[in-house]
């Protein structure tokens, strides 16, 4: 049987996760979706769209979707669902896990890689983070959980933009991009999101043969001026964006046209993950390595890191390594210098 795609839906209290879920569940897309909820949400989804008796942990909905709450741990719930699906007791095409507004998505994501049984049944597709335009600035200032959710995201949806002026939305977009340059941002109204923006995003490839994100190596304009290569002291670059918010969740990029020495890089990354693992939210790279004509793709979450061979470098293609790190108070200079020292002589 093919792997069951799983999506983690996160976002701070009141950001619109339930609205988005209701839309996804009630839309006529012909897919059967299993939703796993952390049960102490502020508004449970089952009030309106479920045909249920609440004693059962797994509830069938009128459109064939199913809903269940995490009574034990996530792993047991996922195993239970996969087993019922294998036996034909439940039919569903994919799983959405709604975390509570205060959750750190990291351990949820790690469940899919650390447990062999789960990894054999499920493929983690992406982490979606909802951000409430009206309250986000305050939440990001006050709550590290909100900043972590942004750092983990593969896709960020900004809700309630109609309640604030365009300048405020721009300032929020700018702040979110600074924290996480690799997640596309989309303003959404009342959870009206195209399903193509929600499912099959392939944000995670730790346990699959990787498709290289075709835009990953391009110089995205949205990386702002805070990355001009390590040794750039140009004053206009240093002061191009004065950030009023010095968030502890930040991203930085390493680029080099010299090839990495695989053994040195492995040792260095191993040490970094050991020391800074809890503070590393997401990291990802397409690498030019000595000893192979193919791209090496690597990415990780917290202490969990995986790499794979990607396609061959094109004959006319510049062989450039690019790595993005998103984390909490990471020592950027130490990491950049360390990576520089892993390059082949």
Protein backbone atom coordinates (compact mmCIF):
# COMPACT_ATOMS: atom_id res chain seq x y z
CA UNK A 1 0.00 0.00 0.00
CA UNK A 2 1.27 3.47 -0.71
CA UNK A 3 2.16 5.76 2.17
CA UNK A 4 -0.59 7.87 3.72
CA UNK A 5 0.21 11.58 3.35
CA UNK A 6 0.06 13.55 6.61
CA UNK A 7 -0.24 17.31 7.12
CA UNK A 8 0.42 19.12 10.40
CA UNK A 9 -1.77 22.18 10.89
CA UNK A 10 -0.51 24.63 13.46
CA UNK A 11 -1.08 28.24 14.40
CA UNK A 12 -1.72 30.34 17.43
CA UNK A 13 -5.05 30.46 19.26
CA UNK A 14 -7.73 32.14 17.16
CA UNK A 15 -5.71 32.07 13.92
CA UNK A 16 -8.41 30.15 12.05
CA UNK A 17 -7.26 26.52 12.11
CA UNK A 18 -10.76 25.25 12.86
CA UNK A 19 -12.26 27.36 10.07
CA UNK A 20 -9.69 26.01 7.64
CA UNK A 21 -10.32 22.44 8.76
CA UNK A 22 -14.08 22.77 8.42
CA UNK A 23 -13.61 24.00 4.89
CA UNK A 24 -11.21 21.22 3.99
CA UNK A 25 -13.49 18.59 5.48
CA UNK A 26 -16.74 19.81 3.99
CA UNK A 27 -15.49 20.59 0.49
CA UNK A 28 -16.48 18.14 -2.20
CA UNK A 29 -12.99 17.09 -3.20
CA UNK A 30 -13.71 13.38 -3.25
CA UNK A 31 -10.98 12.66 -0.72
CA UNK A 32 -11.57 11.06 2.62
CA UNK A 33 -9.57 12.79 5.29
CA UNK A 34 -8.81 11.67 8.81
CA UNK A 35 -8.35 14.52 11.27
CA UNK A 36 -6.45 14.02 14.51
CA UNK A 37 -7.09 16.71 17.08
CA UNK A 38 -5.36 17.57 20.30
CA UNK A 39 -8.48 17.59 22.31
CA UNK A 40 -8.06 20.66 24.43
CA UNK A 41 -8.58 23.05 21.54
CA UNK A 42 -10.61 26.16 22.24
CA UNK A 43 -13.26 25.16 19.76
CA UNK A 44 -13.74 21.56 18.82
CA UNK A 45 -14.50 20.87 15.25
CA UNK A 46 -17.13 18.26 15.92
CA UNK A 47 -19.95 20.61 16.94
CA UNK A 48 -21.29 21.20 13.48
CA UNK A 49 -20.08 18.72 10.95
CA UNK A 50 -19.92 15.40 12.71
CA UNK A 51 -22.47 12.66 12.96
CA UNK A 52 -21.21 11.09 16.09
CA UNK A 53 -21.52 9.87 19.57
CA UNK A 54 -18.66 11.44 21.44
CA UNK A 55 -17.65 8.33 23.39
CA UNK A 56 -15.95 6.75 20.41
CA UNK A 57 -12.40 7.90 19.82
CA UNK A 58 -12.83 7.77 16.05
CA UNK A 59 -15.87 9.49 14.62
CA UNK A 60 -17.22 9.09 11.12
CA UNK A 61 -18.48 12.24 9.40
CA UNK A 62 -21.37 12.57 7.05
CA UNK A 63 -19.09 13.03 4.03
CA UNK A 64 -16.99 9.97 4.85
CA UNK A 65 -14.20 11.89 6.55
CA UNK A 66 -13.25 10.77 10.02
CA UNK A 67 -12.19 12.61 13.12
CA UNK A 68 -10.43 11.48 16.25
CA UNK A 69 -8.83 13.01 19.29
CA UNK A 70 -5.45 12.13 20.75
CA UNK A 71 -6.35 10.20 23.86
CA UNK A 72 -2.96 8.57 24.29
CA UNK A 73 0.00 9.75 22.33
CA UNK A 74 0.09 10.65 18.68
CA UNK A 75 2.05 7.54 17.77
CA UNK A 76 -0.62 5.20 19.17
CA UNK A 77 -3.38 7.15 17.43
CA UNK A 78 -1.56 7.03 14.07
CA UNK A 79 -0.88 3.30 14.42
CA UNK A 80 -4.50 2.67 15.31
CA UNK A 81 -5.71 4.56 12.23
CA UNK A 82 -3.23 2.82 9.90
CA UNK A 83 -4.23 -0.59 11.22
CA UNK A 84 -7.95 0.06 10.81
CA UNK A 85 -7.25 1.26 7.28
CA UNK A 86 -5.24 -1.88 6.47
CA UNK A 87 -8.05 -4.09 7.76
CA UNK A 88 -10.61 -2.15 5.73
CA UNK A 89 -12.47 -0.94 8.82
CA UNK A 90 -11.81 2.69 7.91
CA UNK A 91 -11.33 4.32 4.55
CA UNK A 92 -9.30 7.50 4.30
CA UNK A 93 -6.80 9.00 1.87
CA UNK A 94 -4.80 11.30 4.12
CA UNK A 95 -4.37 12.56 7.66
CA UNK A 96 -4.43 16.10 9.04
CA UNK A 97 -3.11 16.66 12.57
CA UNK A 98 -4.35 19.82 14.22
CA UNK A 99 -2.02 20.84 17.03
CA UNK A 100 -3.15 23.01 19.91
CA UNK A 101 -2.37 26.69 19.60
CA UNK A 102 0.47 26.40 22.09
CA UNK A 103 2.17 23.38 20.56
CA UNK A 104 5.68 23.14 19.21
CA UNK A 105 5.26 21.25 15.91
CA UNK A 106 8.79 19.78 16.14
CA UNK A 107 8.06 16.67 18.21
CA UNK A 108 4.92 16.03 16.12
CA UNK A 109 7.04 16.10 12.95
CA UNK A 110 9.72 13.90 14.52
CA UNK A 111 7.16 11.17 15.25
CA UNK A 112 7.08 10.47 11.50
CA UNK A 113 10.80 9.79 11.29
CA UNK A 114 11.76 8.29 14.62
CA UNK A 115 9.26 5.50 14.72
CA UNK A 116 9.80 2.83 12.09
CA UNK A 117 6.23 1.62 12.12
CA UNK A 118 4.87 5.11 11.57
CA UNK A 119 7.47 5.78 8.85
CA UNK A 120 6.33 2.62 7.03
CA UNK A 121 2.71 3.79 6.95
CA UNK A 122 2.88 7.57 6.63
CA UNK A 123 4.67 10.25 4.67
CA UNK A 124 4.82 13.66 6.34
CA UNK A 125 3.83 16.09 3.61
CA UNK A 126 4.13 19.50 5.25
CA UNK A 127 3.61 21.77 8.22
CA UNK A 128 1.07 24.53 7.61
CA UNK A 129 1.06 27.51 9.96
CA UNK A 130 -1.82 29.95 10.26
CA UNK A 131 -1.00 33.46 11.42
CA UNK A 132 -3.68 35.91 12.52
CA UNK A 133 -2.85 39.32 10.98
CA UNK A 134 -4.67 41.23 13.71
CA UNK A 135 -2.85 39.71 16.69
CA UNK A 136 0.31 38.22 15.18
CA UNK A 137 2.74 41.02 15.97
CA UNK A 138 1.84 40.88 19.65
CA UNK A 139 1.86 37.08 19.72
CA UNK A 140 5.24 36.93 17.99
CA UNK A 141 6.60 39.46 20.51
CA UNK A 142 5.25 37.62 23.54
CA UNK A 143 5.25 33.93 22.75
CA UNK A 144 8.11 31.77 21.60
CA UNK A 145 5.63 29.05 20.59
CA UNK A 146 4.23 31.44 17.96
CA UNK A 147 7.72 32.16 16.63
CA UNK A 148 8.58 28.46 16.55
CA UNK A 149 5.42 27.70 14.55
CA UNK A 150 6.55 30.23 11.95
CA UNK A 151 10.06 28.76 11.87
CA UNK A 152 8.74 25.25 11.24
CA UNK A 153 6.30 26.14 8.48
CA UNK A 154 6.43 24.87 4.90
CA UNK A 155 3.52 27.16 4.04
CA UNK A 156 2.21 30.17 5.99
CA UNK A 157 -1.37 31.36 5.69
CA UNK A 158 -2.11 34.86 6.99
CA UNK A 159 -5.73 35.15 8.13
CA UNK A 160 -7.85 38.20 9.06
CA UNK A 161 -5.93 40.59 6.77
CA UNK A 162 -9.22 42.42 6.21
CA UNK A 163 -9.12 43.57 9.85
CA UNK A 164 -5.85 45.48 9.56
CA UNK A 165 -4.47 48.09 7.16
CA UNK A 166 -2.22 47.09 4.24
CA UNK A 167 0.91 48.59 5.85
CA UNK A 168 0.44 46.36 8.88
CA UNK A 169 0.09 43.31 6.62
CA UNK A 170 3.27 44.31 4.77
CA UNK A 171 5.17 44.72 8.04
CA UNK A 172 3.96 41.30 9.17
CA UNK A 173 4.93 39.68 5.85
CA UNK A 174 8.37 41.22 6.10
CA UNK A 175 8.84 39.95 9.64
CA UNK A 176 7.66 36.43 8.76
CA UNK A 177 9.99 36.30 5.73
CA UNK A 178 12.90 37.33 7.91
CA UNK A 179 12.13 34.47 10.28
CA UNK A 180 11.42 31.85 7.61
CA UNK A 181 12.44 32.67 4.02
CA UNK A 182 11.56 29.23 2.66
CA UNK A 183 7.82 29.15 3.41
CA UNK A 184 5.52 30.78 0.85
CA UNK A 185 3.12 33.34 2.39
CA UNK A 186 -0.52 33.56 1.38
CA UNK A 187 -3.26 35.79 2.71
CA UNK A 188 -6.47 33.80 3.20
CA UNK A 189 -10.02 34.86 4.03
CA UNK A 190 -12.15 32.84 6.42
CA UNK A 191 -10.23 29.69 5.74
CA UNK A 192 -10.98 29.85 2.02
CA UNK A 193 -7.87 28.16 0.83
CA UNK A 194 -7.48 26.22 -2.39
CA UNK A 195 -6.79 22.59 -1.56
CA UNK A 196 -3.78 22.70 -3.87
CA UNK A 197 -2.23 25.08 -1.31
CA UNK A 198 -2.93 22.68 1.55
CA UNK A 199 -2.13 19.17 0.34
CA UNK A 200 0.70 17.50 -1.55
CA UNK A 201 3.13 20.35 -0.93
CA UNK A 202 6.01 17.93 -0.35
CA UNK A 203 7.64 20.16 2.20
CA UNK A 204 9.28 17.20 3.91
CA UNK A 205 11.42 14.63 2.21
CA UNK A 206 13.47 13.20 5.02
CA UNK A 207 12.40 9.65 4.34
CA UNK A 208 11.66 9.76 0.64
CA UNK A 209 13.73 10.04 -2.49
CA UNK A 210 13.90 13.75 -2.89
CA UNK A 211 12.64 15.94 -5.62
CA UNK A 212 14.77 19.02 -5.59
CA UNK A 213 12.70 22.09 -5.10
CA UNK A 214 13.45 23.75 -8.46
CA UNK A 215 13.51 27.25 -6.94
CA UNK A 216 15.63 26.34 -3.98
CA UNK A 217 18.94 27.35 -5.53
CA UNK A 218 17.68 30.57 -7.06
CA UNK A 219 18.40 33.82 -5.33
CA UNK A 220 14.97 34.60 -4.03
CA UNK A 221 14.38 38.32 -3.83
CA UNK A 222 12.55 37.70 -0.57
CA UNK A 223 15.72 36.71 1.18
CA UNK A 224 16.11 40.43 1.78
CA UNK A 225 19.37 42.17 2.25
CA UNK A 226 20.33 40.36 5.39
CA UNK A 227 22.33 37.82 3.41
CA UNK A 228 25.03 39.08 1.10
CA UNK A 229 27.50 36.36 1.68
CA UNK A 230 29.57 36.05 4.73
CA UNK A 231 32.20 38.71 4.22
CA UNK A 232 30.04 41.54 2.99
CA UNK A 233 30.63 44.70 4.99
CA UNK A 234 28.91 47.05 2.62
CA UNK A 235 27.16 49.59 4.86
CA UNK A 236 24.04 49.80 2.73
CA UNK A 237 23.66 46.04 3.07
CA UNK A 238 24.15 46.06 6.77
CA UNK A 239 21.51 48.68 7.33
CA UNK A 240 19.18 47.91 4.48
CA UNK A 241 16.48 46.70 6.84
CA UNK A 242 16.36 47.97 10.33
CA UNK A 243 14.26 45.39 12.13
CA UNK A 244 12.33 46.81 15.01
CA UNK A 245 11.59 43.25 16.06
CA UNK A 246 14.69 41.30 16.87
CA UNK A 247 13.06 37.88 16.92
CA UNK A 248 14.93 34.95 18.39
CA UNK A 249 13.72 32.81 15.45
CA UNK A 250 15.85 33.81 12.48
CA UNK A 251 17.09 32.33 9.26
CA UNK A 252 20.38 32.62 7.48
CA UNK A 253 21.79 31.22 4.28
CA UNK A 254 25.18 29.74 3.43
CA UNK A 255 26.32 29.63 -0.19
CA UNK A 256 29.51 28.45 -1.79
CA UNK A 257 30.73 27.43 -5.22
CA UNK A 258 33.50 25.28 -3.74
CA UNK A 259 32.62 21.65 -3.15
CA UNK A 260 32.15 20.29 0.36
CA UNK A 261 34.39 17.59 1.74
CA UNK A 262 31.80 14.94 2.73
CA UNK A 263 33.60 13.62 5.84
CA UNK A 264 34.31 17.10 7.23
CA UNK A 265 30.76 18.25 6.60
CA UNK A 266 29.27 15.17 8.21
CA UNK A 267 31.41 15.64 11.33
CA UNK A 268 30.59 19.32 11.58
CA UNK A 269 26.85 18.93 11.06
CA UNK A 270 26.80 16.04 13.53
CA UNK A 271 28.44 18.25 16.15
CA UNK A 272 26.12 21.20 15.41
CA UNK A 273 23.02 19.03 15.68
CA UNK A 274 24.30 17.61 18.96
CA UNK A 275 24.85 21.02 20.49
CA UNK A 276 22.10 23.13 18.93
CA UNK A 277 19.54 20.46 17.97
CA UNK A 278 16.70 21.74 20.18
CA UNK A 279 17.22 25.25 18.79
CA UNK A 280 17.43 24.18 15.14
CA UNK A 281 13.88 24.27 13.83
CA UNK A 282 14.33 23.47 10.14
CA UNK A 283 17.38 23.28 7.94
CA UNK A 284 17.66 22.33 4.33
CA UNK A 285 20.25 22.34 1.59
CA UNK A 286 21.24 21.38 -1.92
CA UNK A 287 24.95 20.60 -1.80
CA UNK A 288 27.85 20.32 -4.19
CA UNK A 289 30.05 17.51 -2.81
CA UNK A 290 33.36 16.09 -3.96
CA UNK A 291 33.13 12.50 -5.13
CA UNK A 292 29.69 12.67 -6.75
CA UNK A 293 28.27 14.17 -9.92
CA UNK A 294 24.87 14.39 -8.27
CA UNK A 295 23.33 16.98 -6.02
CA UNK A 296 23.17 16.02 -2.38
CA UNK A 297 19.94 17.06 -0.70
CA UNK A 298 19.83 17.34 3.04
CA UNK A 299 17.32 18.56 5.57
CA UNK A 300 16.38 18.22 9.17
CA UNK A 301 14.17 19.03 12.11
CA UNK A 302 15.75 19.56 15.54
CA UNK A 303 18.24 16.71 16.09
CA UNK A 304 16.97 14.67 13.18
CA UNK A 305 18.87 14.99 9.93
CA UNK A 306 18.70 13.11 6.66
CA UNK A 307 20.44 13.36 3.29
CA UNK A 308 19.97 11.80 -0.10
CA UNK A 309 21.41 11.88 -3.60
CA UNK A 310 19.37 14.04 -5.94
CA UNK A 311 19.62 14.37 -9.72
CA UNK A 312 22.90 14.96 -11.53
CA UNK A 313 24.16 18.49 -11.97
CA UNK A 314 23.36 19.81 -15.43
CA UNK A 315 26.32 20.32 -17.76
CA UNK A 316 25.70 24.08 -17.95
CA UNK A 317 24.58 24.41 -14.34
CA UNK A 318 26.66 26.28 -11.76
CA UNK A 319 27.50 23.84 -9.00
CA UNK A 320 26.60 25.92 -5.99
CA UNK A 321 25.84 24.71 -2.49
CA UNK A 322 23.07 26.54 -0.69
CA UNK A 323 21.89 25.86 2.85
CA UNK A 324 19.15 27.56 4.82
CA UNK A 325 19.04 27.33 8.62
CA UNK A 326 16.04 28.44 10.66
CA UNK A 327 16.43 28.38 14.41
CA UNK A 328 16.35 30.06 17.79
CA UNK A 329 19.32 32.28 18.65
CA UNK A 330 21.70 30.27 16.48
CA UNK A 331 25.35 31.43 16.46
CA UNK A 332 25.37 32.40 12.81
CA UNK A 333 29.09 33.32 12.68
CA UNK A 334 30.19 30.01 14.20
CA UNK A 335 28.00 28.06 11.79
CA UNK A 336 29.11 30.00 8.72
CA UNK A 337 32.80 29.72 9.64
CA UNK A 338 32.41 26.02 10.40
CA UNK A 339 30.74 25.36 7.05
CA UNK A 340 33.48 27.36 5.30
CA UNK A 341 36.04 25.03 6.90
CA UNK A 342 34.23 21.96 5.55
CA UNK A 343 34.86 22.99 1.94
CA UNK A 344 37.47 21.06 -0.04
CA UNK A 345 40.83 22.71 -0.38
